[in-house]
Amino acid sequence: MHVVCKDHVEIAIDEFVDEYEEAPDIVDLAKTHFANWEPPTHCEHCQELARFLVV
């Protein structure tokens, strides 16, 4: 699972494919809310606002 900004979504997809050898699902955090989980607020690659969950 990767939580990233718009600029790093392609890197997160590549990392996911390298690790799991299949295509990930991309969740837009601006349009999705979780009942029992608060996603990180910042990208794991920089300090920008996290926008996508790559799972």
PDB file of N, CA and C in Angstrom:
ATOM      1  N   MET A   1       0.854  -1.172   0.000  1.00  0.00           N
ATOM      2  CA  MET A   1       0.000   0.000   0.000  1.00  0.00           C
ATOM      3  C   MET A   1       0.899   1.234   0.000  1.00  0.00           C
ATOM      4  N   HIS A   2       0.561   2.186  -0.841  1.00  0.00           N
ATOM      5  CA  HIS A   2       1.308   3.433  -0.936  1.00  0.00           C
ATOM      6  C   HIS A   2       0.329   4.593  -0.892  1.00  0.00           C
ATOM      7  N   VAL A   3       0.669   5.622  -0.136  1.00  0.00           N
ATOM      8  CA  VAL A   3      -0.125   6.838  -0.078  1.00  0.00           C
ATOM      9  C   VAL A   3       0.746   7.943  -0.667  1.00  0.00           C
ATOM     10  N   VAL A   4       0.294   8.504  -1.785  1.00  0.00           N
ATOM     11  CA  VAL A   4       1.146   9.423  -2.537  1.00  0.00           C
ATOM     12  C   VAL A   4       0.376  10.630  -3.077  1.00  0.00           C
ATOM     13  N   CYS A   5       1.150  11.632  -3.476  1.00  0.00           N
ATOM     14  CA  CYS A   5       0.590  12.808  -4.134  1.00  0.00           C
ATOM     15  C   CYS A   5       0.442  12.528  -5.636  1.00  0.00           C
ATOM     16  N   LYS A   6      -0.117  13.495  -6.338  1.00  0.00           N
ATOM     17  CA  LYS A   6      -0.332  13.345  -7.781  1.00  0.00           C
ATOM     18  C   LYS A   6       0.987  13.151  -8.531  1.00  0.00           C
ATOM     19  N   ASP A   7       2.040  13.819  -8.085  1.00  0.00           N
ATOM     20  CA  ASP A   7       3.323  13.745  -8.778  1.00  0.00           C
ATOM     21  C   ASP A   7       4.024  12.393  -8.619  1.00  0.00           C
ATOM     22  N   HIS A   8       3.710  11.648  -7.569  1.00  0.00           N
ATOM     23  CA  HIS A   8       4.406  10.394  -7.300  1.00  0.00           C
ATOM     24  C   HIS A   8       3.553   9.142  -7.530  1.00  0.00           C
ATOM     25  N   VAL A   9       2.374   9.297  -8.114  1.00  0.00           N
ATOM     26  CA  VAL A   9       1.498   8.141  -8.313  1.00  0.00           C
ATOM     27  C   VAL A   9       2.119   7.121  -9.276  1.00  0.00           C
ATOM     28  N   GLU A  10       2.819   7.581 -10.305  1.00  0.00           N
ATOM     29  CA  GLU A  10       3.439   6.638 -11.250  1.00  0.00           C
ATOM     30  C   GLU A  10       4.545   5.823 -10.576  1.00  0.00           C
ATOM     31  N   ILE A  11       5.306   6.450  -9.710  1.00  0.00           N
ATOM     32  CA  ILE A  11       6.353   5.732  -8.972  1.00  0.00           C
ATOM     33  C   ILE A  11       5.721   4.680  -8.070  1.00  0.00           C
ATOM     34  N   ALA A  12       4.639   5.037  -7.392  1.00  0.00           N
ATOM     35  CA  ALA A  12       3.959   4.096  -6.509  1.00  0.00           C
ATOM     36  C   ALA A  12       3.395   2.914  -7.289  1.00  0.00           C
ATOM     37  N   ILE A  13       2.860   3.161  -8.469  1.00  0.00           N
ATOM     38  CA  ILE A  13       2.351   2.074  -9.315  1.00  0.00           C
ATOM     39  C   ILE A  13       3.495   1.142  -9.704  1.00  0.00           C
ATOM     40  N   ASP A  14       4.616   1.713 -10.132  1.00  0.00           N
ATOM     41  CA  ASP A  14       5.778   0.886 -10.494  1.00  0.00           C
ATOM     42  C   ASP A  14       6.271   0.053  -9.316  1.00  0.00           C
ATOM     43  N   GLU A  15       6.336   0.654  -8.125  1.00  0.00           N
ATOM     44  CA  GLU A  15       6.776  -0.081  -6.936  1.00  0.00           C
ATOM     45  C   GLU A  15       5.813  -1.219  -6.617  1.00  0.00           C
ATOM     46  N   PHE A  16       4.518  -0.964  -6.743  1.00  0.00           N
ATOM     47  CA  PHE A  16       3.515  -1.990  -6.468  1.00  0.00           C
ATOM     48  C   PHE A  16       3.656  -3.153  -7.446  1.00  0.00           C
ATOM     49  N   VAL A  17       3.776  -2.837  -8.733  1.00  0.00           N
ATOM     50  CA  VAL A  17       3.910  -3.874  -9.760  1.00  0.00           C
ATOM     51  C   VAL A  17       5.192  -4.685  -9.549  1.00  0.00           C
ATOM     52  N   ASP A  18       6.285  -4.010  -9.210  1.00  0.00           N
ATOM     53  CA  ASP A  18       7.538  -4.717  -8.945  1.00  0.00           C
ATOM     54  C   ASP A  18       7.400  -5.692  -7.779  1.00  0.00           C
ATOM     55  N   GLU A  19       6.662  -5.289  -6.752  1.00  0.00           N
ATOM     56  CA  GLU A  19       6.525  -6.124  -5.560  1.00  0.00           C
ATOM     57  C   GLU A  19       5.505  -7.247  -5.726  1.00  0.00           C
ATOM     58  N   TYR A  20       4.345  -6.954  -6.303  1.00  0.00           N
ATOM     59  CA  TYR A  20       3.247  -7.915  -6.356  1.00  0.00           C
ATOM     60  C   TYR A  20       3.007  -8.526  -7.729  1.00  0.00           C
ATOM     61  N   GLU A  21       3.648  -8.001  -8.760  1.00  0.00           N
ATOM     62  CA  GLU A  21       3.528  -8.496 -10.129  1.00  0.00           C
ATOM     63  C   GLU A  21       2.095  -8.500 -10.649  1.00  0.00           C
ATOM     64  N   GLU A  22       1.339  -7.502 -10.241  1.00  0.00           N
ATOM     65  CA  GLU A  22      -0.009  -7.289 -10.763  1.00  0.00           C
ATOM     66  C   GLU A  22      -0.349  -5.815 -10.652  1.00  0.00           C
ATOM     67  N   ALA A  23      -1.356  -5.403 -11.385  1.00  0.00           N
ATOM     68  CA  ALA A  23      -1.751  -3.995 -11.395  1.00  0.00           C
ATOM     69  C   ALA A  23      -2.485  -3.633 -10.099  1.00  0.00           C
ATOM     70  N   PRO A  24      -2.205  -2.459  -9.548  1.00  0.00           N
ATOM     71  CA  PRO A  24      -2.876  -2.041  -8.314  1.00  0.00           C
ATOM     72  C   PRO A  24      -4.217  -1.375  -8.586  1.00  0.00           C
ATOM     73  N   ASP A  25      -4.975  -1.219  -7.531  1.00  0.00           N
ATOM     74  CA  ASP A  25      -6.158  -0.369  -7.557  1.00  0.00           C
ATOM     75  C   ASP A  25      -5.707   1.012  -7.094  1.00  0.00           C
ATOM     76  N   ILE A  26      -6.261   2.041  -7.699  1.00  0.00           N
ATOM     77  CA  ILE A  26      -5.927   3.415  -7.345  1.00  0.00           C
ATOM     78  C   ILE A  26      -7.174   4.053  -6.736  1.00  0.00           C
ATOM     79  N   VAL A  27      -7.064   4.526  -5.504  1.00  0.00           N
ATOM     80  CA  VAL A  27      -8.189   5.144  -4.808  1.00  0.00           C
ATOM     81  C   VAL A  27      -7.894   6.630  -4.646  1.00  0.00           C
ATOM     82  N   ASP A  28      -8.812   7.465  -5.089  1.00  0.00           N
ATOM     83  CA  ASP A  28      -8.684   8.912  -4.946  1.00  0.00           C
ATOM     84  C   ASP A  28      -9.128   9.278  -3.534  1.00  0.00           C
ATOM     85  N   LEU A  29      -8.198   9.704  -2.700  1.00  0.00           N
ATOM     86  CA  LEU A  29      -8.509  10.020  -1.308  1.00  0.00           C
ATOM     87  C   LEU A  29      -9.402  11.243  -1.161  1.00  0.00           C
ATOM     88  N   ALA A  30      -9.482  12.071  -2.187  1.00  0.00           N
ATOM     89  CA  ALA A  30     -10.366  13.238  -2.139  1.00  0.00           C
ATOM     90  C   ALA A  30     -11.832  12.839  -2.302  1.00  0.00           C
ATOM     91  N   LYS A  31     -12.063  11.662  -2.869  1.00  0.00           N
ATOM     92  CA  LYS A  31     -13.433  11.216  -3.134  1.00  0.00           C
ATOM     93  C   LYS A  31     -13.858  10.036  -2.270  1.00  0.00           C
ATOM     94  N   THR A  32     -12.958   9.510  -1.444  1.00  0.00           N
ATOM     95  CA  THR A  32     -13.246   8.318  -0.658  1.00  0.00           C
ATOM     96  C   THR A  32     -12.988   8.579   0.813  1.00  0.00           C
ATOM     97  N   HIS A  33     -13.886   8.109   1.660  1.00  0.00           N
ATOM     98  CA  HIS A  33     -13.718   8.232   3.103  1.00  0.00           C
ATOM     99  C   HIS A  33     -13.827   6.839   3.710  1.00  0.00           C
ATOM    100  N   PHE A  34     -13.016   6.575   4.714  1.00  0.00           N
ATOM    101  CA  PHE A  34     -12.986   5.272   5.362  1.00  0.00           C
ATOM    102  C   PHE A  34     -13.577   5.389   6.763  1.00  0.00           C
ATOM    103  N   ALA A  35     -14.358   4.397   7.158  1.00  0.00           N
ATOM    104  CA  ALA A  35     -15.029   4.427   8.452  1.00  0.00           C
ATOM    105  C   ALA A  35     -14.053   4.224   9.615  1.00  0.00           C
ATOM    106  N   ASN A  36     -13.088   3.324   9.453  1.00  0.00           N
ATOM    107  CA  ASN A  36     -12.229   2.959  10.579  1.00  0.00           C
ATOM    108  C   ASN A  36     -10.755   3.209  10.334  1.00  0.00           C
ATOM    109  N   TRP A  37     -10.416   4.064   9.370  1.00  0.00           N
ATOM    110  CA  TRP A  37      -9.011   4.313   9.063  1.00  0.00           C
ATOM    111  C   TRP A  37      -8.832   5.717   8.545  1.00  0.00           C
ATOM    112  N   GLU A  38      -7.865   6.411   9.088  1.00  0.00           N
ATOM    113  CA  GLU A  38      -7.497   7.736   8.597  1.00  0.00           C
ATOM    114  C   GLU A  38      -6.203   7.594   7.803  1.00  0.00           C
ATOM    115  N   PRO A  39      -6.226   7.853   6.508  1.00  0.00           N
ATOM    116  CA  PRO A  39      -5.002   7.742   5.712  1.00  0.00           C
ATOM    117  C   PRO A  39      -3.996   8.822   6.104  1.00  0.00           C
ATOM    118  N   PRO A  40      -2.721   8.573   5.882  1.00  0.00           N
ATOM    119  CA  PRO A  40      -1.721   9.607   6.140  1.00  0.00           C
ATOM    120  C   PRO A  40      -2.043  10.860   5.330  1.00  0.00           C
ATOM    121  N   THR A  41      -1.663  11.993   5.848  1.00  0.00           N
ATOM    122  CA  THR A  41      -1.995  13.252   5.187  1.00  0.00           C
ATOM    123  C   THR A  41      -0.952  13.697   4.179  1.00  0.00           C
ATOM    124  N   HIS A  42       0.260  13.127   4.243  1.00  0.00           N
ATOM    125  CA  HIS A  42       1.333  13.536   3.342  1.00  0.00           C
ATOM    126  C   HIS A  42       1.837  12.371   2.507  1.00  0.00           C
ATOM    127  N   CYS A  43       2.311  12.689   1.335  1.00  0.00           N
ATOM    128  CA  CYS A  43       2.900  11.724   0.410  1.00  0.00           C
ATOM    129  C   CYS A  43       4.090  11.036   1.074  1.00  0.00           C
ATOM    130  N   GLU A  44       4.256   9.736   0.807  1.00  0.00           N
ATOM    131  CA  GLU A  44       5.388   9.011   1.384  1.00  0.00           C
ATOM    132  C   GLU A  44       6.707   9.344   0.700  1.00  0.00           C
ATOM    133  N   HIS A  45       6.671  10.079  -0.419  1.00  0.00           N
ATOM    134  CA  HIS A  45       7.886  10.449  -1.141  1.00  0.00           C
ATOM    135  C   HIS A  45       8.277  11.916  -0.962  1.00  0.00           C
ATOM    136  N   CYS A  46       7.336  12.744  -0.497  1.00  0.00           N
ATOM    137  CA  CYS A  46       7.613  14.171  -0.304  1.00  0.00           C
ATOM    138  C   CYS A  46       6.654  14.705   0.755  1.00  0.00           C
ATOM    139  N   GLN A  47       6.599  15.995   0.911  1.00  0.00           N
ATOM    140  CA  GLN A  47       5.738  16.604   1.931  1.00  0.00           C
ATOM    141  C   GLN A  47       4.437  17.167   1.355  1.00  0.00           C
ATOM    142  N   GLU A  48       4.142  16.848   0.098  1.00  0.00           N
ATOM    143  CA  GLU A  48       2.893  17.307  -0.509  1.00  0.00           C
ATOM    144  C   GLU A  48       1.702  16.550   0.094  1.00  0.00           C
ATOM    145  N   LEU A  49       0.526  17.097  -0.095  1.00  0.00           N
ATOM    146  CA  LEU A  49      -0.703  16.491   0.390  1.00  0.00           C
ATOM    147  C   LEU A  49      -0.941  15.150  -0.313  1.00  0.00           C
ATOM    148  N   ALA A  50      -1.216  14.111   0.450  1.00  0.00           N
ATOM    149  CA  ALA A  50      -1.486  12.791  -0.124  1.00  0.00           C
ATOM    150  C   ALA A  50      -2.813  12.841  -0.873  1.00  0.00           C
ATOM    151  N   ARG A  51      -2.844  12.262  -2.069  1.00  0.00           N
ATOM    152  CA  ARG A  51      -4.054  12.314  -2.888  1.00  0.00           C
ATOM    153  C   ARG A  51      -4.536  10.930  -3.288  1.00  0.00           C
ATOM    154  N   PHE A  52      -3.601   9.964  -3.432  1.00  0.00           N
ATOM    155  CA  PHE A  52      -3.989   8.648  -3.917  1.00  0.00           C
ATOM    156  C   PHE A  52      -3.494   7.533  -3.008  1.00  0.00           C
ATOM    157  N   LEU A  53      -4.305   6.503  -2.920  1.00  0.00           N
ATOM    158  CA  LEU A  53      -3.939   5.270  -2.233  1.00  0.00           C
ATOM    159  C   LEU A  53      -3.754   4.217  -3.318  1.00  0.00           C
ATOM    160  N   VAL A  54      -2.576   3.622  -3.366  1.00  0.00           N
ATOM    161  CA  VAL A  54      -2.256   2.608  -4.359  1.00  0.00           C
ATOM    162  C   VAL A  54      -2.214   1.266  -3.638  1.00  0.00           C
ATOM    163  N   VAL A  55      -3.195   0.411  -3.927  1.00  0.00           N
ATOM    164  CA  VAL A  55      -3.302  -0.900  -3.251  1.00  0.00           C
ATOM    165  C   VAL A  55      -3.580  -2.006  -4.237  1.00  0.00           C
TER     166      VAL A  55
END
